[in-house]
Protein backbone atom coordinates (compact mmCIF):
# COMPACT_ATOMS: atom_id res chain seq x y z
CA UNK A 1 0.00 0.00 0.00
CA UNK A 2 1.30 3.41 -0.96
CA UNK A 3 0.31 6.47 1.05
CA UNK A 4 0.37 9.91 -0.50
CA UNK A 5 0.47 13.02 1.62
CA UNK A 6 -1.56 15.79 0.05
CA UNK A 7 -0.24 19.28 0.49
CA UNK A 8 -2.90 21.63 -0.84
CA UNK A 9 -1.62 24.96 -2.04
CA UNK A 10 -3.92 27.86 -2.75
CA UNK A 11 -3.27 31.48 -3.56
CA UNK A 12 -4.20 33.60 -0.58
CA UNK A 13 -4.35 37.03 -2.20
CA UNK A 14 -4.09 40.30 -0.35
CA UNK A 15 -6.09 43.47 -0.55
CA UNK A 16 -3.05 45.68 -1.04
CA UNK A 17 -5.00 48.93 -0.81
CA UNK A 18 -6.31 48.00 2.62
CA UNK A 19 -2.88 46.90 3.78
CA UNK A 20 -1.39 50.15 2.52
CA UNK A 21 -4.13 52.20 4.26
CA UNK A 22 -3.34 50.41 7.53
CA UNK A 23 0.31 51.33 7.07
CA UNK A 24 -0.20 54.94 5.89
CA UNK A 25 -2.72 55.80 8.61
CA UNK A 26 0.04 55.48 11.19
CA UNK A 27 3.02 56.80 9.22
CA UNK A 28 6.15 54.93 8.15
CA UNK A 29 7.77 54.20 11.51
CA UNK A 30 4.63 53.58 13.56
CA UNK A 31 3.01 51.76 10.63
CA UNK A 32 5.92 49.36 10.41
CA UNK A 33 5.76 48.64 14.14
CA UNK A 34 1.98 48.24 14.10
CA UNK A 35 2.08 45.95 11.08
CA UNK A 36 4.75 43.81 12.73
CA UNK A 37 2.70 43.62 15.92
CA UNK A 38 -0.45 42.71 13.98
CA UNK A 39 1.41 39.93 12.16
CA UNK A 40 2.75 38.63 15.48
CA UNK A 41 -0.79 38.67 16.87
CA UNK A 42 -2.02 36.63 13.91
CA UNK A 43 0.82 34.12 14.32
CA UNK A 44 0.04 33.81 18.04
CA UNK A 45 -3.70 33.35 17.42
CA UNK A 46 -2.94 30.68 14.82
CA UNK A 47 -0.78 28.84 17.35
CA UNK A 48 -3.45 29.18 20.05
CA UNK A 49 -6.10 27.93 17.61
CA UNK A 50 -4.00 24.86 16.84
CA UNK A 51 -3.46 24.18 20.54
CA UNK A 52 -7.17 24.63 21.26
CA UNK A 53 -7.99 22.17 18.48
CA UNK A 54 -5.51 19.61 19.79
CA UNK A 55 -6.94 19.95 23.31
CA UNK A 56 -10.52 19.72 22.06
CA UNK A 57 -11.31 23.16 23.50
CA UNK A 58 -13.93 24.45 21.06
CA UNK A 59 -14.74 27.64 23.00
CA UNK A 60 -11.04 28.64 22.88
CA UNK A 61 -10.85 27.67 19.20
CA UNK A 62 -13.92 29.80 18.56
CA UNK A 63 -12.32 32.81 20.31
CA UNK A 64 -9.12 32.40 18.31
CA UNK A 65 -11.02 32.11 15.03
CA UNK A 66 -13.02 35.25 15.85
CA UNK A 67 -9.81 37.14 16.63
CA UNK A 68 -8.17 35.89 13.44
CA UNK A 69 -11.15 36.94 11.37
CA UNK A 70 -11.01 40.48 12.76
CA UNK A 71 -7.24 40.81 12.38
CA UNK A 72 -7.31 39.39 8.86
CA UNK A 73 -10.05 41.81 7.90
CA UNK A 74 -8.06 44.80 9.21
CA UNK A 75 -4.93 43.78 7.28
CA UNK A 76 -6.63 42.90 3.99
CA UNK A 77 -6.32 39.10 4.12
CA UNK A 78 -9.66 38.07 2.60
CA UNK A 79 -9.10 34.31 2.40
CA UNK A 80 -7.89 34.09 6.00
CA UNK A 81 -10.96 36.06 7.02
CA UNK A 82 -13.25 33.61 5.21
CA UNK A 83 -11.55 30.47 6.56
CA UNK A 84 -11.60 31.82 10.13
CA UNK A 85 -15.34 32.44 9.65
CA UNK A 86 -15.73 28.85 8.46
CA UNK A 87 -14.02 27.62 11.64
CA UNK A 88 -16.44 29.73 13.69
CA UNK A 89 -19.41 28.16 11.92
CA UNK A 90 -18.05 24.64 12.27
CA UNK A 91 -17.32 25.07 15.99
CA UNK A 92 -21.09 25.29 16.45
CA UNK A 93 -22.00 22.74 13.78
CA UNK A 94 -20.64 19.62 15.47
CA UNK A 95 -19.06 18.10 12.32
CA UNK A 96 -15.67 17.07 13.71
CA UNK A 97 -14.26 15.92 10.36
CA UNK A 98 -15.14 19.17 8.61
CA UNK A 99 -13.77 21.16 11.54
CA UNK A 100 -10.50 19.20 11.49
CA UNK A 101 -10.04 19.85 7.78
CA UNK A 102 -10.89 23.53 8.15
CA UNK A 103 -8.55 24.04 11.10
CA UNK A 104 -5.76 22.52 8.97
CA UNK A 105 -6.73 24.88 6.15
CA UNK A 106 -6.73 27.79 8.61
CA UNK A 107 -3.11 27.01 9.46
CA UNK A 108 -2.05 26.76 5.81
CA UNK A 109 -3.87 29.91 4.74
CA UNK A 110 -2.68 31.81 7.81
CA UNK A 111 0.96 30.95 7.20
CA UNK A 112 0.74 31.83 3.50
CA UNK A 113 -1.08 35.09 4.30
CA UNK A 114 1.64 36.14 6.72
CA UNK A 115 4.29 35.33 4.13
CA UNK A 116 2.37 37.33 1.52
CA UNK A 117 2.26 40.39 3.77
CA UNK A 118 5.94 40.00 4.59
CA UNK A 119 6.76 39.81 0.86
CA UNK A 120 4.45 42.69 -0.10
CA UNK A 121 6.80 45.46 1.05
CA UNK A 122 3.99 48.00 1.29
CA UNK A 123 5.17 51.30 -0.20
CA UNK A 124 4.86 54.36 1.96
CA UNK A 125 5.52 57.76 0.49
C-alpha atoms as a PDB file:
ATOM      1  CA  UNK A   1       0.000   0.000   0.000  1.00  0.00           C
ATOM      2  CA  UNK A   2       1.304   3.410  -0.958  1.00  0.00           C
ATOM      3  CA  UNK A   3       0.313   6.469   1.045  1.00  0.00           C
ATOM      4  CA  UNK A   4       0.370   9.912  -0.499  1.00  0.00           C
ATOM      5  CA  UNK A   5       0.474  13.022   1.621  1.00  0.00           C
ATOM      6  CA  UNK A   6      -1.565  15.785   0.051  1.00  0.00           C
ATOM      7  CA  UNK A   7      -0.238  19.281   0.488  1.00  0.00           C
ATOM      8  CA  UNK A   8      -2.904  21.627  -0.840  1.00  0.00           C
ATOM      9  CA  UNK A   9      -1.624  24.958  -2.042  1.00  0.00           C
ATOM     10  CA  UNK A  10      -3.919  27.863  -2.753  1.00  0.00           C
ATOM     11  CA  UNK A  11      -3.269  31.480  -3.564  1.00  0.00           C
ATOM     12  CA  UNK A  12      -4.196  33.605  -0.577  1.00  0.00           C
ATOM     13  CA  UNK A  13      -4.348  37.027  -2.197  1.00  0.00           C
ATOM     14  CA  UNK A  14      -4.088  40.304  -0.347  1.00  0.00           C
ATOM     15  CA  UNK A  15      -6.095  43.473  -0.551  1.00  0.00           C
ATOM     16  CA  UNK A  16      -3.046  45.677  -1.045  1.00  0.00           C
ATOM     17  CA  UNK A  17      -4.998  48.926  -0.813  1.00  0.00           C
ATOM     18  CA  UNK A  18      -6.311  47.996   2.617  1.00  0.00           C
ATOM     19  CA  UNK A  19      -2.876  46.902   3.780  1.00  0.00           C
ATOM     20  CA  UNK A  20      -1.389  50.151   2.523  1.00  0.00           C
ATOM     21  CA  UNK A  21      -4.127  52.197   4.263  1.00  0.00           C
ATOM     22  CA  UNK A  22      -3.343  50.409   7.528  1.00  0.00           C
ATOM     23  CA  UNK A  23       0.311  51.333   7.065  1.00  0.00           C
ATOM     24  CA  UNK A  24      -0.200  54.945   5.892  1.00  0.00           C
ATOM     25  CA  UNK A  25      -2.723  55.797   8.613  1.00  0.00           C
ATOM     26  CA  UNK A  26       0.037  55.479  11.193  1.00  0.00           C
ATOM     27  CA  UNK A  27       3.016  56.801   9.222  1.00  0.00           C
ATOM     28  CA  UNK A  28       6.148  54.932   8.147  1.00  0.00           C
ATOM     29  CA  UNK A  29       7.767  54.199  11.509  1.00  0.00           C
ATOM     30  CA  UNK A  30       4.629  53.577  13.564  1.00  0.00           C
ATOM     31  CA  UNK A  31       3.007  51.760  10.630  1.00  0.00           C
ATOM     32  CA  UNK A  32       5.921  49.356  10.406  1.00  0.00           C
ATOM     33  CA  UNK A  33       5.764  48.638  14.135  1.00  0.00           C
ATOM     34  CA  UNK A  34       1.979  48.240  14.103  1.00  0.00           C
ATOM     35  CA  UNK A  35       2.084  45.949  11.077  1.00  0.00           C
ATOM     36  CA  UNK A  36       4.755  43.808  12.731  1.00  0.00           C
ATOM     37  CA  UNK A  37       2.699  43.622  15.924  1.00  0.00           C
ATOM     38  CA  UNK A  38      -0.451  42.705  13.983  1.00  0.00           C
ATOM     39  CA  UNK A  39       1.410  39.935  12.165  1.00  0.00           C
ATOM     40  CA  UNK A  40       2.751  38.632  15.485  1.00  0.00           C
ATOM     41  CA  UNK A  41      -0.792  38.668  16.873  1.00  0.00           C
ATOM     42  CA  UNK A  42      -2.015  36.629  13.912  1.00  0.00           C
ATOM     43  CA  UNK A  43       0.816  34.124  14.318  1.00  0.00           C
ATOM     44  CA  UNK A  44       0.043  33.806  18.039  1.00  0.00           C
ATOM     45  CA  UNK A  45      -3.696  33.355  17.417  1.00  0.00           C
ATOM     46  CA  UNK A  46      -2.937  30.682  14.822  1.00  0.00           C
ATOM     47  CA  UNK A  47      -0.782  28.838  17.355  1.00  0.00           C
ATOM     48  CA  UNK A  48      -3.446  29.180  20.046  1.00  0.00           C
ATOM     49  CA  UNK A  49      -6.099  27.933  17.609  1.00  0.00           C
ATOM     50  CA  UNK A  50      -4.000  24.864  16.835  1.00  0.00           C
ATOM     51  CA  UNK A  51      -3.458  24.178  20.536  1.00  0.00           C
ATOM     52  CA  UNK A  52      -7.173  24.627  21.264  1.00  0.00           C
ATOM     53  CA  UNK A  53      -7.990  22.174  18.482  1.00  0.00           C
ATOM     54  CA  UNK A  54      -5.512  19.614  19.785  1.00  0.00           C
ATOM     55  CA  UNK A  55      -6.940  19.949  23.307  1.00  0.00           C
ATOM     56  CA  UNK A  56     -10.521  19.724  22.061  1.00  0.00           C
ATOM     57  CA  UNK A  57     -11.313  23.159  23.497  1.00  0.00           C
ATOM     58  CA  UNK A  58     -13.928  24.455  21.055  1.00  0.00           C
ATOM     59  CA  UNK A  59     -14.736  27.640  23.003  1.00  0.00           C
ATOM     60  CA  UNK A  60     -11.041  28.637  22.882  1.00  0.00           C
ATOM     61  CA  UNK A  61     -10.853  27.666  19.201  1.00  0.00           C
ATOM     62  CA  UNK A  62     -13.917  29.803  18.555  1.00  0.00           C
ATOM     63  CA  UNK A  63     -12.319  32.815  20.315  1.00  0.00           C
ATOM     64  CA  UNK A  64      -9.117  32.400  18.315  1.00  0.00           C
ATOM     65  CA  UNK A  65     -11.021  32.110  15.032  1.00  0.00           C
ATOM     66  CA  UNK A  66     -13.018  35.253  15.852  1.00  0.00           C
ATOM     67  CA  UNK A  67      -9.811  37.142  16.628  1.00  0.00           C
ATOM     68  CA  UNK A  68      -8.171  35.893  13.443  1.00  0.00           C
ATOM     69  CA  UNK A  69     -11.151  36.940  11.370  1.00  0.00           C
ATOM     70  CA  UNK A  70     -11.009  40.480  12.758  1.00  0.00           C
ATOM     71  CA  UNK A  71      -7.242  40.815  12.383  1.00  0.00           C
ATOM     72  CA  UNK A  72      -7.310  39.393   8.856  1.00  0.00           C
ATOM     73  CA  UNK A  73     -10.054  41.814   7.901  1.00  0.00           C
ATOM     74  CA  UNK A  74      -8.056  44.804   9.209  1.00  0.00           C
ATOM     75  CA  UNK A  75      -4.927  43.781   7.275  1.00  0.00           C
ATOM     76  CA  UNK A  76      -6.634  42.901   3.994  1.00  0.00           C
ATOM     77  CA  UNK A  77      -6.322  39.099   4.125  1.00  0.00           C
ATOM     78  CA  UNK A  78      -9.659  38.069   2.596  1.00  0.00           C
ATOM     79  CA  UNK A  79      -9.097  34.307   2.395  1.00  0.00           C
ATOM     80  CA  UNK A  80      -7.889  34.086   5.995  1.00  0.00           C
ATOM     81  CA  UNK A  81     -10.960  36.065   7.021  1.00  0.00           C
ATOM     82  CA  UNK A  82     -13.246  33.606   5.207  1.00  0.00           C
ATOM     83  CA  UNK A  83     -11.545  30.473   6.559  1.00  0.00           C
ATOM     84  CA  UNK A  84     -11.602  31.824  10.127  1.00  0.00           C
ATOM     85  CA  UNK A  85     -15.339  32.445   9.649  1.00  0.00           C
ATOM     86  CA  UNK A  86     -15.728  28.851   8.457  1.00  0.00           C
ATOM     87  CA  UNK A  87     -14.018  27.619  11.636  1.00  0.00           C
ATOM     88  CA  UNK A  88     -16.442  29.726  13.694  1.00  0.00           C
ATOM     89  CA  UNK A  89     -19.407  28.162  11.920  1.00  0.00           C
ATOM     90  CA  UNK A  90     -18.047  24.636  12.274  1.00  0.00           C
ATOM     91  CA  UNK A  91     -17.323  25.071  15.994  1.00  0.00           C
ATOM     92  CA  UNK A  92     -21.089  25.290  16.451  1.00  0.00           C
ATOM     93  CA  UNK A  93     -21.995  22.742  13.780  1.00  0.00           C
ATOM     94  CA  UNK A  94     -20.639  19.616  15.470  1.00  0.00           C
ATOM     95  CA  UNK A  95     -19.058  18.099  12.319  1.00  0.00           C
ATOM     96  CA  UNK A  96     -15.667  17.073  13.707  1.00  0.00           C
ATOM     97  CA  UNK A  97     -14.261  15.923  10.358  1.00  0.00           C
ATOM     98  CA  UNK A  98     -15.141  19.171   8.610  1.00  0.00           C
ATOM     99  CA  UNK A  99     -13.770  21.157  11.542  1.00  0.00           C
ATOM    100  CA  UNK A 100     -10.496  19.203  11.491  1.00  0.00           C
ATOM    101  CA  UNK A 101     -10.041  19.852   7.776  1.00  0.00           C
ATOM    102  CA  UNK A 102     -10.895  23.528   8.146  1.00  0.00           C
ATOM    103  CA  UNK A 103      -8.545  24.036  11.103  1.00  0.00           C
ATOM    104  CA  UNK A 104      -5.761  22.520   8.970  1.00  0.00           C
ATOM    105  CA  UNK A 105      -6.730  24.881   6.155  1.00  0.00           C
ATOM    106  CA  UNK A 106      -6.731  27.791   8.606  1.00  0.00           C
ATOM    107  CA  UNK A 107      -3.108  27.014   9.464  1.00  0.00           C
ATOM    108  CA  UNK A 108      -2.051  26.759   5.812  1.00  0.00           C
ATOM    109  CA  UNK A 109      -3.871  29.909   4.742  1.00  0.00           C
ATOM    110  CA  UNK A 110      -2.681  31.815   7.812  1.00  0.00           C
ATOM    111  CA  UNK A 111       0.963  30.953   7.199  1.00  0.00           C
ATOM    112  CA  UNK A 112       0.736  31.827   3.501  1.00  0.00           C
ATOM    113  CA  UNK A 113      -1.085  35.086   4.299  1.00  0.00           C
ATOM    114  CA  UNK A 114       1.641  36.140   6.720  1.00  0.00           C
ATOM    115  CA  UNK A 115       4.286  35.331   4.127  1.00  0.00           C
ATOM    116  CA  UNK A 116       2.371  37.332   1.516  1.00  0.00           C
ATOM    117  CA  UNK A 117       2.262  40.394   3.767  1.00  0.00           C
ATOM    118  CA  UNK A 118       5.944  39.996   4.587  1.00  0.00           C
ATOM    119  CA  UNK A 119       6.763  39.806   0.864  1.00  0.00           C
ATOM    120  CA  UNK A 120       4.446  42.688  -0.101  1.00  0.00           C
ATOM    121  CA  UNK A 121       6.801  45.462   1.046  1.00  0.00           C
ATOM    122  CA  UNK A 122       3.990  48.003   1.294  1.00  0.00           C
ATOM    123  CA  UNK A 123       5.172  51.305  -0.198  1.00  0.00           C
ATOM    124  CA  UNK A 124       4.861  54.361   1.962  1.00  0.00           C
ATOM    125  CA  UNK A 125       5.523  57.756   0.487  1.00  0.00           C
END
